[in-house]
N, C-alpha and C. Protein backbone atom coordinates (compact mmCIF):
# COMPACT_ATOMS: atom_id res chain seq x y z
N MET A 1 -4.29 -5.74 -11.34
CA MET A 1 -3.97 -6.11 -10.22
C MET A 1 -3.93 -6.31 -8.83
N PHE A 2 -2.85 -5.56 -8.60
CA PHE A 2 -2.35 -4.97 -7.62
C PHE A 2 -3.21 -4.16 -6.80
N LYS A 3 -4.84 -3.43 -7.46
CA LYS A 3 -5.34 -2.69 -6.41
C LYS A 3 -6.06 -3.26 -5.27
N LEU A 4 -5.26 -4.80 -4.95
CA LEU A 4 -5.49 -5.32 -3.58
C LEU A 4 -4.42 -4.14 -2.43
N ILE A 5 -3.50 -3.72 -3.08
CA ILE A 5 -2.39 -3.46 -1.90
C ILE A 5 -2.51 -1.81 -2.08
N LEU A 6 -3.38 -1.51 -2.31
CA LEU A 6 -3.81 0.10 -2.34
C LEU A 6 -3.10 0.98 -1.33
N PHE A 7 -3.51 -0.08 0.45
CA PHE A 7 -2.71 -0.02 0.66
C PHE A 7 -1.02 0.69 1.20
N ALA A 8 -0.36 -0.14 0.00
CA ALA A 8 1.20 0.32 0.04
C ALA A 8 1.22 1.70 -0.65
N ILE A 9 0.16 2.49 -0.52
CA ILE A 9 0.65 3.68 -1.00
C ILE A 9 1.83 4.34 0.42
N THR A 10 1.62 4.13 1.58
CA THR A 10 2.71 4.11 2.44
C THR A 10 2.38 3.98 3.74
N LEU A 11 3.14 2.82 4.29
CA LEU A 11 3.07 2.42 5.36
C LEU A 11 3.79 2.85 6.65
N PHE A 12 4.66 4.27 6.62
CA PHE A 12 4.89 4.38 7.89
C PHE A 12 4.54 5.73 8.10
N ALA A 13 4.99 6.60 9.23
CA ALA A 13 4.32 7.69 9.41
C ALA A 13 4.56 8.08 10.14
N ALA A 14 4.86 9.64 10.84
CA ALA A 14 5.33 10.21 12.40
C ALA A 14 4.17 10.86 12.39
N PHE A 15 3.71 11.30 14.42
CA PHE A 15 2.87 11.40 14.44
C PHE A 15 3.51 12.85 15.44
N GLY A 16 2.18 14.02 14.66
CA GLY A 16 2.93 15.21 15.60
C GLY A 16 1.25 16.20 15.40
N ASN A 17 0.78 16.16 17.14
CA ASN A 17 0.18 17.33 16.99
C ASN A 17 -0.14 18.95 16.51
N ALA A 18 1.21 19.05 16.62
CA ALA A 18 1.57 20.84 16.38
C ALA A 18 2.54 20.89 14.79
N GLN A 19 2.91 19.91 14.10
CA GLN A 19 3.32 19.98 13.40
C GLN A 19 2.58 20.48 12.00
N ASN A 20 2.61 21.12 10.91
CA ASN A 20 2.45 21.55 9.86
C ASN A 20 2.31 20.05 8.95
N ALA A 21 1.78 20.23 7.40
CA ALA A 21 1.58 19.03 6.75
C ALA A 21 3.33 18.52 6.22
N GLY A 22 3.82 19.85 6.21
CA GLY A 22 5.25 19.91 5.49
C GLY A 22 6.27 18.57 6.34
N GLU A 23 6.15 19.33 7.54
CA GLU A 23 6.82 19.05 8.76
C GLU A 23 6.12 17.13 9.00
N VAL A 24 5.27 17.04 8.59
CA VAL A 24 4.63 16.02 8.83
C VAL A 24 5.14 14.67 8.04
N LEU A 25 5.34 15.13 6.78
CA LEU A 25 6.01 14.64 5.64
C LEU A 25 7.20 14.08 5.46
N LYS A 26 8.07 15.60 6.12
CA LYS A 26 9.38 14.75 6.29
C LYS A 26 9.31 13.67 7.40
N SER A 27 8.73 13.79 8.16
CA SER A 27 8.82 12.81 9.52
C SER A 27 8.37 11.57 8.34
N VAL A 28 7.39 11.61 7.74
CA VAL A 28 6.93 9.98 7.12
C VAL A 28 8.45 9.43 6.00
N GLN A 29 8.72 10.92 5.69
CA GLN A 29 10.31 10.10 4.98
C GLN A 29 11.62 9.76 5.88
N GLN A 30 11.34 10.31 7.19
CA GLN A 30 12.64 9.82 7.71
C GLN A 30 12.09 8.58 8.45
N LYS A 31 11.13 8.10 9.27
CA LYS A 31 10.87 7.16 9.26
C LYS A 31 10.92 5.80 7.97
N PHE A 32 10.20 6.06 6.75
CA PHE A 32 10.80 5.09 6.15
C PHE A 32 12.04 4.75 5.41
N ASN A 33 12.73 5.86 5.32
CA ASN A 33 14.26 5.11 5.13
C ASN A 33 14.68 4.95 6.73
N GLY A 34 14.03 4.30 7.85
CA GLY A 34 14.82 4.00 9.00
C GLY A 34 13.87 2.11 8.78
N ILE A 35 13.72 1.84 7.72
CA ILE A 35 12.87 0.71 7.96
C ILE A 35 12.94 -0.05 6.58
N ASN A 36 13.10 -1.34 7.05
CA ASN A 36 13.58 -2.03 6.11
C ASN A 36 12.32 -3.12 5.78
N ASP A 37 11.78 -3.45 6.27
CA ASP A 37 10.64 -4.52 6.09
C ASP A 37 9.67 -4.41 7.29
N LEU A 38 8.64 -4.96 6.84
CA LEU A 38 7.65 -4.82 8.31
C LEU A 38 6.12 -6.44 7.41
N SER A 39 5.43 -5.97 8.90
CA SER A 39 4.66 -7.12 8.13
C SER A 39 3.31 -6.31 9.09
N ALA A 40 2.46 -6.64 8.86
CA ALA A 40 1.19 -6.16 9.79
C ALA A 40 -0.30 -6.58 9.11
N ASP A 41 -1.59 -7.05 10.18
CA ASP A 41 -2.89 -6.82 9.35
C ASP A 41 -3.35 -6.28 9.23
N PHE A 42 -4.36 -6.62 7.79
CA PHE A 42 -5.19 -5.33 8.03
C PHE A 42 -6.60 -5.74 7.30
N THR A 43 -7.44 -5.21 7.26
CA THR A 43 -8.73 -5.25 6.89
C THR A 43 -9.43 -4.37 5.71
N ARG A 44 -10.18 -4.51 4.40
CA ARG A 44 -10.22 -3.71 3.25
C ARG A 44 -11.77 -3.19 3.43
N TYR A 45 -12.29 -1.71 3.49
CA TYR A 45 -13.52 -1.54 3.99
C TYR A 45 -13.69 -0.76 2.10
N SER A 46 -15.00 -0.97 2.12
CA SER A 46 -15.79 -0.89 0.64
C SER A 46 -17.27 -0.04 0.96
N GLY A 47 -17.64 1.09 0.66
CA GLY A 47 -19.19 1.60 1.30
C GLY A 47 -19.05 1.00 2.36
N GLY A 48 -18.04 1.35 3.63
CA GLY A 48 -18.48 0.77 4.48
C GLY A 48 -18.50 -0.35 5.53
N SER A 49 -18.36 -1.16 4.14
CA SER A 49 -18.53 -2.79 4.64
C SER A 49 -17.09 -3.44 3.96
N ASN A 50 -16.84 -4.66 5.60
CA ASN A 50 -15.79 -5.39 5.18
C ASN A 50 -15.58 -6.22 3.97
N GLU A 51 -14.40 -5.62 2.96
CA GLU A 51 -14.76 -6.62 1.63
C GLU A 51 -13.78 -8.24 2.09
N TYR A 52 -12.61 -7.94 3.05
CA TYR A 52 -11.23 -8.88 2.78
C TYR A 52 -10.69 -8.83 3.93
N SER A 53 -9.88 -9.53 4.50
CA SER A 53 -9.14 -9.61 5.10
C SER A 53 -7.58 -9.94 5.60
N GLY A 54 -6.66 -9.81 5.58
CA GLY A 54 -5.46 -10.77 5.50
C GLY A 54 -4.25 -10.09 5.96
N LYS A 55 -3.12 -10.58 5.72
CA LYS A 55 -1.84 -10.39 6.27
C LYS A 55 -0.94 -9.76 5.09
N PHE A 56 -0.25 -8.55 5.67
CA PHE A 56 0.90 -7.90 4.66
C PHE A 56 2.02 -7.93 4.79
N PHE A 57 2.57 -8.35 3.75
CA PHE A 57 4.53 -7.59 4.44
C PHE A 57 4.87 -7.47 3.03
N TYR A 58 6.10 -6.55 3.20
CA TYR A 58 6.61 -5.72 2.73
C TYR A 58 7.67 -5.30 2.83
N LYS A 59 8.88 -5.36 1.93
CA LYS A 59 10.24 -4.84 2.19
C LYS A 59 10.43 -4.40 0.97
N LYS A 60 12.00 -3.31 0.99
CA LYS A 60 12.26 -2.66 -0.25
C LYS A 60 13.38 -3.92 -0.76
N ASP A 61 12.64 -2.72 -1.90
CA ASP A 61 12.24 -2.12 -2.94
C ASP A 61 11.08 -2.28 -3.20
N ASN A 62 10.23 -1.88 -3.07
CA ASN A 62 8.60 -2.64 -3.39
C ASN A 62 8.33 -4.06 -3.39
N LYS A 63 9.05 -4.72 -2.61
CA LYS A 63 8.66 -6.15 -2.59
C LYS A 63 7.46 -6.53 -1.42
N ILE A 64 6.32 -6.58 -2.06
CA ILE A 64 5.11 -6.96 -1.69
C ILE A 64 4.45 -8.37 -1.67
N ARG A 65 3.97 -9.39 -0.78
CA ARG A 65 3.08 -9.84 -0.21
C ARG A 65 1.62 -9.93 0.50
N LEU A 66 0.91 -10.27 -0.15
CA LEU A 66 -0.58 -9.96 0.56
C LEU A 66 -1.06 -11.59 0.21
N GLU A 67 -1.43 -12.06 1.92
CA GLU A 67 -2.00 -13.51 2.11
C GLU A 67 -3.52 -13.22 2.52
N LEU A 68 -4.69 -13.51 1.82
CA LEU A 68 -5.55 -13.78 1.88
C LEU A 68 -5.99 -14.96 1.89
N LYS A 69 -7.94 -15.10 2.06
CA LYS A 69 -8.08 -16.11 2.60
C LYS A 69 -7.98 -17.15 1.31
N ASN A 70 -8.71 -16.67 -0.13
CA ASN A 70 -8.68 -17.88 -1.02
C ASN A 70 -7.15 -17.66 -2.19
N SER A 71 -6.35 -16.55 -1.54
CA SER A 71 -5.58 -16.08 -2.94
C SER A 71 -4.15 -15.93 -2.46
N ILE A 72 -3.02 -15.86 -2.75
CA ILE A 72 -1.83 -14.66 -2.74
C ILE A 72 -2.11 -14.10 -3.57
N ILE A 73 -0.90 -12.79 -2.98
CA ILE A 73 -0.19 -11.89 -4.55
C ILE A 73 0.85 -11.64 -3.72
N ILE A 74 1.73 -11.91 -4.62
CA ILE A 74 3.41 -11.08 -4.89
C ILE A 74 3.95 -10.62 -5.67
N SER A 75 4.58 -9.88 -5.07
CA SER A 75 5.97 -8.56 -5.89
C SER A 75 7.03 -8.99 -5.40
N ASP A 76 7.28 -9.07 -6.60
CA ASP A 76 9.64 -8.92 -6.10
C ASP A 76 9.78 -8.09 -6.62
N GLY A 77 8.91 -6.41 -7.19
CA GLY A 77 9.60 -5.18 -7.44
C GLY A 77 9.21 -5.23 -9.38
N GLU A 78 9.29 -6.45 -9.96
CA GLU A 78 9.51 -6.44 -10.92
C GLU A 78 8.74 -7.72 -11.85
N THR A 79 8.67 -8.09 -10.63
CA THR A 79 7.23 -9.32 -11.54
C THR A 79 6.11 -9.96 -10.01
N ASN A 80 5.00 -9.42 -10.88
CA ASN A 80 3.63 -10.02 -9.73
C ASN A 80 2.91 -11.35 -10.59
N TRP A 81 2.97 -11.94 -8.99
CA TRP A 81 1.71 -13.50 -9.39
C TRP A 81 1.14 -13.13 -8.98
N ASN A 82 0.09 -13.43 -8.91
CA ASN A 82 -1.35 -13.42 -8.43
C ASN A 82 -1.99 -15.29 -8.78
N TYR A 83 -1.76 -15.15 -7.57
CA TYR A 83 -2.51 -17.23 -6.95
C TYR A 83 -3.66 -17.15 -6.41
N SER A 84 -4.97 -18.28 -7.12
CA SER A 84 -6.13 -18.33 -6.58
C SER A 84 -5.91 -19.82 -6.27
N LYS A 85 -5.94 -19.91 -5.12
CA LYS A 85 -6.39 -20.99 -4.36
C LYS A 85 -7.58 -21.94 -4.68
N LYS A 86 -8.80 -21.25 -4.55
CA LYS A 86 -9.73 -22.11 -5.13
C LYS A 86 -9.70 -22.91 -6.55
N GLY A 87 -8.85 -21.82 -7.60
CA GLY A 87 -8.46 -22.78 -9.11
C GLY A 87 -7.40 -22.86 -9.47
N ASN A 88 -6.46 -22.71 -8.21
CA ASN A 88 -5.00 -23.34 -8.86
C ASN A 88 -4.74 -22.76 -10.18
N LYS A 89 -4.69 -21.49 -9.73
CA LYS A 89 -4.19 -20.91 -11.19
C LYS A 89 -3.76 -19.89 -11.18
N VAL A 90 -2.15 -19.26 -11.35
CA VAL A 90 -1.21 -18.29 -11.35
C VAL A 90 -1.04 -17.09 -12.68
N VAL A 91 -1.37 -15.66 -12.06
CA VAL A 91 -1.48 -15.05 -12.98
C VAL A 91 0.06 -14.38 -13.26
N ILE A 92 0.71 -14.42 -13.69
CA ILE A 92 2.14 -13.76 -13.63
C ILE A 92 2.15 -12.12 -15.13
N SER A 93 2.52 -11.29 -13.62
CA SER A 93 2.45 -9.77 -14.35
C SER A 93 3.85 -8.87 -14.69
N LYS A 94 3.89 -7.62 -14.95
CA LYS A 94 5.48 -7.33 -15.10
C LYS A 94 4.49 -6.39 -13.87
N PHE A 95 5.53 -5.89 -13.16
CA PHE A 95 5.10 -4.83 -12.01
C PHE A 95 4.56 -3.41 -11.95
N ASP A 96 4.04 -2.94 -12.07
CA ASP A 96 3.27 -1.53 -12.69
C ASP A 96 2.89 -0.98 -11.45
N ASP A 97 3.21 0.23 -11.17
CA ASP A 97 2.72 1.16 -10.11
C ASP A 97 2.21 2.60 -10.27
N SER A 98 1.66 1.99 -12.17
CA SER A 98 0.75 3.10 -12.20
C SER A 98 -0.73 3.94 -12.18
N ASP A 99 -0.90 2.14 -11.60
CA ASP A 99 -2.02 2.47 -11.07
C ASP A 99 -2.47 2.79 -10.16
N PRO A 100 -3.10 4.16 -9.33
CA PRO A 100 -3.68 4.81 -8.63
C PRO A 100 -4.24 4.25 -7.24
N LEU A 101 -4.21 2.70 -6.91
CA LEU A 101 -4.67 1.84 -6.27
C LEU A 101 -3.30 0.59 -5.98
N ALA A 102 -2.21 1.25 -6.36
CA ALA A 102 -1.51 0.27 -6.69
C ALA A 102 0.47 0.81 -6.50
N LEU A 103 0.52 2.23 -5.79
CA LEU A 103 1.27 3.31 -5.89
C LEU A 103 2.68 1.93 -5.14
N SER A 104 3.38 2.60 -5.51
CA SER A 104 4.82 2.05 -4.56
C SER A 104 4.75 3.27 -3.62
N ILE A 105 5.26 2.46 -2.42
CA ILE A 105 5.61 3.58 -1.51
C ILE A 105 6.52 4.67 -1.53
N GLN A 106 7.90 4.41 -2.01
CA GLN A 106 8.79 5.28 -2.65
C GLN A 106 8.04 6.48 -3.82
N LYS A 107 7.04 5.94 -4.08
CA LYS A 107 6.16 7.07 -5.19
C LYS A 107 5.85 7.78 -4.31
N VAL A 108 4.62 7.57 -3.58
CA VAL A 108 3.65 8.38 -2.92
C VAL A 108 4.78 9.05 -2.14
N LEU A 109 5.92 8.48 -1.28
CA LEU A 109 6.70 9.63 -0.73
C LEU A 109 7.56 10.60 -0.87
N TYR A 110 8.11 10.25 -2.19
CA TYR A 110 9.06 10.85 -2.72
C TYR A 110 8.66 12.14 -3.86
N LYS A 111 7.30 10.87 -5.02
CA LYS A 111 6.83 11.54 -5.83
C LYS A 111 5.84 12.70 -6.30
N TYR A 112 4.51 11.71 -5.38
CA TYR A 112 3.94 12.69 -5.31
C TYR A 112 3.71 14.01 -4.70
N PRO A 113 4.34 14.23 -3.62
CA PRO A 113 4.43 15.52 -3.07
C PRO A 113 4.13 16.58 -3.78
N SER A 114 5.20 16.52 -4.57
CA SER A 114 5.72 16.99 -5.46
C SER A 114 4.74 17.35 -6.78
N GLU A 115 3.06 16.54 -6.69
CA GLU A 115 2.54 16.81 -7.70
C GLU A 115 0.73 16.64 -7.30
N CYS A 116 0.92 17.17 -5.89
CA CYS A 116 -0.83 17.41 -4.90
C CYS A 116 0.05 18.40 -3.75
N LYS A 117 -1.42 18.71 -3.83
CA LYS A 117 -1.22 19.91 -2.44
C LYS A 117 -1.71 18.91 -0.99
N ILE A 118 -0.57 19.29 -0.10
CA ILE A 118 -0.59 18.58 0.82
C ILE A 118 -1.00 19.44 2.18
N SER A 119 -2.12 18.67 2.71
CA SER A 119 -2.37 20.13 4.18
C SER A 119 -2.98 18.65 5.16
N SER A 120 -2.75 19.01 6.39
CA SER A 120 -3.27 17.99 7.54
C SER A 120 -4.15 18.38 8.33
N GLU A 121 -5.06 17.36 8.57
CA GLU A 121 -5.90 17.90 9.72
C GLU A 121 -6.17 17.19 10.83
N SER A 122 -7.13 16.69 12.02
CA SER A 122 -6.56 16.09 12.92
C SER A 122 -7.80 15.07 13.33
N ALA A 123 -8.15 14.13 13.73
CA ALA A 123 -9.53 13.19 13.89
C ALA A 123 -8.88 12.10 15.05
N GLY A 124 -9.22 13.49 16.23
CA GLY A 124 -9.47 13.23 17.25
C GLY A 124 -7.57 13.71 17.57
N GLU A 125 -7.27 12.99 18.46
CA GLU A 125 -5.91 13.02 18.93
C GLU A 125 -4.57 12.73 17.30
N LYS A 126 -5.48 11.95 16.84
CA LYS A 126 -4.59 11.65 15.43
C LYS A 126 -4.07 12.83 14.28
N GLN A 127 -3.19 12.32 13.88
CA GLN A 127 -2.85 13.36 12.64
C GLN A 127 -3.04 13.10 11.15
N VAL A 128 -3.94 13.67 10.61
CA VAL A 128 -4.01 13.17 8.60
C VAL A 128 -3.41 14.14 8.10
N LEU A 129 -2.63 12.95 7.10
CA LEU A 129 -1.97 13.85 6.56
C LEU A 129 -3.21 13.56 4.67
N VAL A 130 -3.44 14.56 4.17
CA VAL A 130 -3.86 14.43 3.25
C VAL A 130 -3.29 15.46 2.10
N PHE A 131 -3.86 14.69 0.65
CA PHE A 131 -2.80 14.49 -0.40
C PHE A 131 -4.19 14.55 -1.64
N VAL A 132 -4.21 15.69 -1.96
CA VAL A 132 -5.37 16.37 -3.17
C VAL A 132 -4.55 16.50 -4.50
N PRO A 133 -4.25 16.21 -6.05
CA PRO A 133 -3.41 16.35 -7.39
C PRO A 133 -3.71 17.64 -7.40
N GLU A 134 -2.66 17.99 -8.17
CA GLU A 134 -2.38 19.53 -8.60
C GLU A 134 -3.51 19.89 -10.09
N ASP A 135 -3.30 20.75 -10.78
CA ASP A 135 -4.47 20.90 -11.33
C ASP A 135 -4.20 20.09 -13.01
N SER A 136 -2.77 20.43 -12.34
CA SER A 136 -1.77 20.12 -14.13
C SER A 136 -1.21 17.89 -14.17
N SER A 137 -1.58 17.91 -12.59
CA SER A 137 -1.06 16.18 -12.13
C SER A 137 -1.80 15.36 -13.03
N ASP A 138 -0.83 14.39 -13.89
CA ASP A 138 -1.93 13.04 -14.30
C ASP A 138 -2.64 12.38 -13.13
N LEU A 139 -2.12 12.56 -11.81
CA LEU A 139 -2.84 11.46 -10.85
C LEU A 139 -4.08 11.45 -10.96
N SER A 140 -4.62 10.21 -11.15
CA SER A 140 -6.13 9.95 -11.14
C SER A 140 -6.90 9.79 -9.47
N PHE A 141 -6.53 10.00 -8.86
CA PHE A 141 -7.49 9.95 -7.60
C PHE A 141 -7.52 11.46 -7.12
N ASN A 142 -9.28 11.63 -6.57
CA ASN A 142 -9.40 12.64 -6.06
C ASN A 142 -8.49 13.42 -4.30
N LYS A 143 -8.47 12.44 -3.94
CA LYS A 143 -7.98 12.59 -2.57
C LYS A 143 -7.48 11.14 -1.97
N VAL A 144 -6.37 11.36 -1.55
CA VAL A 144 -5.78 10.54 -0.12
C VAL A 144 -5.66 11.12 0.72
N LYS A 145 -6.32 10.28 2.27
CA LYS A 145 -5.81 10.53 3.20
C LYS A 145 -5.47 9.81 4.45
N ILE A 146 -4.45 9.42 4.80
CA ILE A 146 -3.42 9.02 5.51
C ILE A 146 -3.58 8.96 7.20
N THR A 147 -3.94 8.45 8.35
CA THR A 147 -4.82 8.78 9.69
C THR A 147 -3.13 7.76 10.06
N LEU A 148 -2.09 9.13 10.93
CA LEU A 148 -1.08 8.16 11.69
C LEU A 148 -1.94 8.19 12.78
N ASN A 149 -0.93 7.27 13.76
CA ASN A 149 -1.18 6.84 15.20
C ASN A 149 0.17 7.60 15.82
N LYS A 150 0.04 7.19 17.59
CA LYS A 150 1.38 7.58 18.45
C LYS A 150 2.37 6.85 18.52
N GLU A 151 2.14 5.41 17.53
CA GLU A 151 3.54 4.47 17.29
C GLU A 151 3.79 4.76 15.91
N ASN A 152 3.68 5.91 15.79
CA ASN A 152 4.58 6.64 14.21
C ASN A 152 3.92 5.79 13.00
N LEU A 153 3.07 4.88 13.12
CA LEU A 153 2.35 4.17 11.97
C LEU A 153 1.33 4.35 11.76
N ILE A 154 0.68 3.88 10.53
CA ILE A 154 -0.63 3.98 9.35
C ILE A 154 -1.50 3.55 10.37
N ASP A 155 -2.72 4.11 10.91
CA ASP A 155 -3.82 3.16 11.01
C ASP A 155 -4.97 3.09 9.94
N GLU A 156 -4.68 4.02 9.15
CA GLU A 156 -5.96 3.78 8.08
C GLU A 156 -5.26 4.61 6.83
N ILE A 157 -5.95 4.40 5.78
CA ILE A 157 -5.46 4.80 4.43
C ILE A 157 -7.17 4.94 4.00
N SER A 158 -7.08 6.01 3.49
CA SER A 158 -8.88 5.91 2.59
C SER A 158 -8.55 7.21 1.12
N ILE A 159 -8.93 6.17 -0.05
CA ILE A 159 -8.28 6.63 -1.41
C ILE A 159 -9.93 6.89 -1.90
N ASP A 160 -9.90 8.39 -2.27
CA ASP A 160 -11.57 8.61 -2.75
C ASP A 160 -10.96 8.30 -4.45
N ASP A 161 -11.49 7.11 -4.97
CA ASP A 161 -10.92 7.09 -6.79
C ASP A 161 -12.20 7.40 -7.52
N PRO A 162 -12.03 8.10 -8.02
CA PRO A 162 -13.33 8.28 -9.00
C PRO A 162 -14.16 7.09 -9.72
N ASN A 163 -13.06 6.01 -10.67
CA ASN A 163 -14.09 5.06 -10.75
C ASN A 163 -14.74 4.23 -9.63
N ILE A 164 -14.25 4.24 -8.59
CA ILE A 164 -14.42 2.95 -7.98
C ILE A 164 -15.28 3.04 -6.35
N GLY A 165 -15.40 4.84 -6.52
CA GLY A 165 -15.75 5.30 -5.07
C GLY A 165 -14.50 4.98 -4.22
N VAL A 166 -14.86 5.22 -2.77
CA VAL A 166 -14.19 5.35 -1.15
C VAL A 166 -14.22 4.36 -0.98
N ILE A 167 -12.45 3.83 -0.93
CA ILE A 167 -11.90 2.68 -0.08
C ILE A 167 -10.68 2.89 0.69
N GLU A 168 -11.14 2.20 2.05
CA GLU A 168 -10.22 2.34 2.82
C GLU A 168 -9.96 1.09 3.80
N ILE A 169 -8.50 1.36 4.02
CA ILE A 169 -7.44 -0.01 4.44
C ILE A 169 -7.20 0.31 6.06
N ALA A 170 -7.91 -0.40 6.87
CA ALA A 170 -7.36 -0.34 8.58
C ALA A 170 -6.50 -1.45 8.53
N LEU A 171 -4.74 -1.02 9.07
CA LEU A 171 -3.71 -1.57 9.74
C LEU A 171 -3.78 -1.81 10.88
N SER A 172 -2.80 -2.93 11.40
CA SER A 172 -2.91 -3.42 12.58
C SER A 172 -1.85 -4.63 12.79
N ASN A 173 -0.79 -4.29 14.60
CA ASN A 173 -0.82 -5.38 14.28
C ASN A 173 0.97 -5.99 13.39
N TYR A 174 1.61 -4.89 13.24
CA TYR A 174 2.59 -3.81 13.09
C TYR A 174 3.97 -4.94 13.57
N LYS A 175 4.82 -5.51 12.57
CA LYS A 175 5.73 -6.17 13.47
C LYS A 175 7.02 -5.40 12.40
N LEU A 176 8.10 -4.64 12.80
CA LEU A 176 8.77 -3.63 12.21
C LEU A 176 10.60 -4.64 11.89
N ASN A 177 10.99 -4.26 11.05
CA ASN A 177 12.76 -4.54 10.41
C ASN A 177 13.10 -6.28 11.35
N ARG A 178 12.08 -7.37 10.73
CA ARG A 178 12.53 -8.46 10.89
C ARG A 178 13.07 -9.34 10.16
N ASN A 179 13.85 -8.99 9.37
CA ASN A 179 15.14 -9.88 8.38
C ASN A 179 13.43 -10.43 7.84
N ILE A 180 12.89 -9.99 6.67
CA ILE A 180 11.86 -11.13 6.16
C ILE A 180 12.66 -11.17 4.99
N PRO A 181 12.80 -12.57 4.86
CA PRO A 181 13.73 -13.18 3.40
C PRO A 181 13.06 -12.92 2.12
N ASP A 182 14.02 -12.90 1.20
CA ASP A 182 13.94 -12.33 0.29
C ASP A 182 12.58 -13.54 -0.82
N ASN A 183 12.66 -14.86 -0.19
CA ASN A 183 12.28 -15.55 -1.38
C ASN A 183 10.75 -15.54 -0.32
N LYS A 184 10.41 -14.62 0.51
CA LYS A 184 8.76 -14.84 0.91
C LYS A 184 8.26 -13.51 -0.57
N PHE A 185 9.18 -12.87 -0.88
CA PHE A 185 8.59 -12.51 -2.04
C PHE A 185 8.78 -13.03 -3.73
N THR A 186 8.91 -14.17 -3.81
CA THR A 186 9.34 -15.09 -4.88
C THR A 186 7.86 -16.04 -4.86
N PHE A 187 7.81 -16.44 -6.29
CA PHE A 187 6.61 -17.56 -6.02
C PHE A 187 7.19 -18.43 -7.34
N SER A 188 6.69 -19.89 -6.68
CA SER A 188 6.81 -21.43 -8.30
C SER A 188 5.17 -21.43 -8.04
N PRO A 189 4.66 -21.33 -9.21
CA PRO A 189 3.85 -22.20 -9.24
C PRO A 189 3.08 -23.40 -9.07
N PRO A 190 2.18 -23.69 -7.67
CA PRO A 190 2.64 -25.16 -7.49
C PRO A 190 1.92 -26.07 -8.73
N GLU A 191 2.53 -27.79 -8.64
CA GLU A 191 2.41 -28.36 -9.69
C GLU A 191 1.23 -28.79 -10.02
N GLY A 192 0.92 -28.55 -11.44
CA GLY A 192 -0.29 -29.38 -11.82
C GLY A 192 -1.50 -27.94 -11.91
N SER A 193 -0.69 -26.41 -11.55
CA SER A 193 -1.15 -25.18 -11.47
C SER A 193 -1.83 -24.84 -12.81
N LYS A 194 -2.25 -24.03 -13.38
CA LYS A 194 -2.89 -23.36 -14.45
C LYS A 194 -2.04 -22.37 -14.45
N VAL A 195 -1.01 -21.90 -15.59
CA VAL A 195 -0.29 -20.54 -15.54
C VAL A 195 -0.77 -19.79 -16.42
N ILE A 196 -0.59 -18.48 -16.57
CA ILE A 196 -1.33 -17.66 -17.88
C ILE A 196 -0.07 -16.18 -17.64
N ASP A 197 0.72 -16.03 -18.25
CA ASP A 197 2.02 -15.08 -18.27
C ASP A 197 1.67 -13.99 -19.13
N LEU A 198 0.99 -13.03 -18.74
CA LEU A 198 0.51 -12.20 -18.79
C LEU A 198 2.43 -10.67 -19.71
N ARG A 199 3.09 -11.02 -18.80
CA ARG A 199 4.90 -9.93 -19.30
C ARG A 199 5.12 -9.78 -20.78
N ALA A 200 4.47 -11.08 -21.65
CA ALA A 200 4.72 -10.55 -23.10
C ALA A 200 3.83 -9.79 -23.79
N GLU A 201 2.51 -9.77 -23.15
CA GLU A 201 1.38 -8.62 -23.85
C GLU A 201 1.36 -7.67 -24.16
């Protein structure tokens, strides 16, 4: 379900042309520790084509909200709600960060580095972090690239997944620490909507 939110891999990063990969990662972690919530515009690309765009909201810990043209996807870190506006249907499931395209920010920043070879490269004036799983790792993606900007935020995330190919997410118009209320990350199905609850399965 939360393949839509692969760009939740990491949302915060520090810029440093002269830094090595370890120093950049440390800066990312420090930046993340100082951010409680954010919102941003995003566009997802697959095969170079624009698949969809929307608004993304995040709040510690693992609280996520995606607002798309025809759907809303929400997680409070324990429960997921996927609401189809057109079908007036909501699918409820347990939060699961094991999907390589639905990684929690905390997991990427603090667990994945121990399971990946980390390097850095340049893209013009921008710094790029590259994560490649170790041979002993059970991570299923081939490579993750995180492009950082001089405002210390992510410009783009690219995931090379063997099952679906390369997916890219572009981020812009960040707003940080605006005290987003917790009720932004819960969902009550509208009256008359069809509810499919998968939590007991």
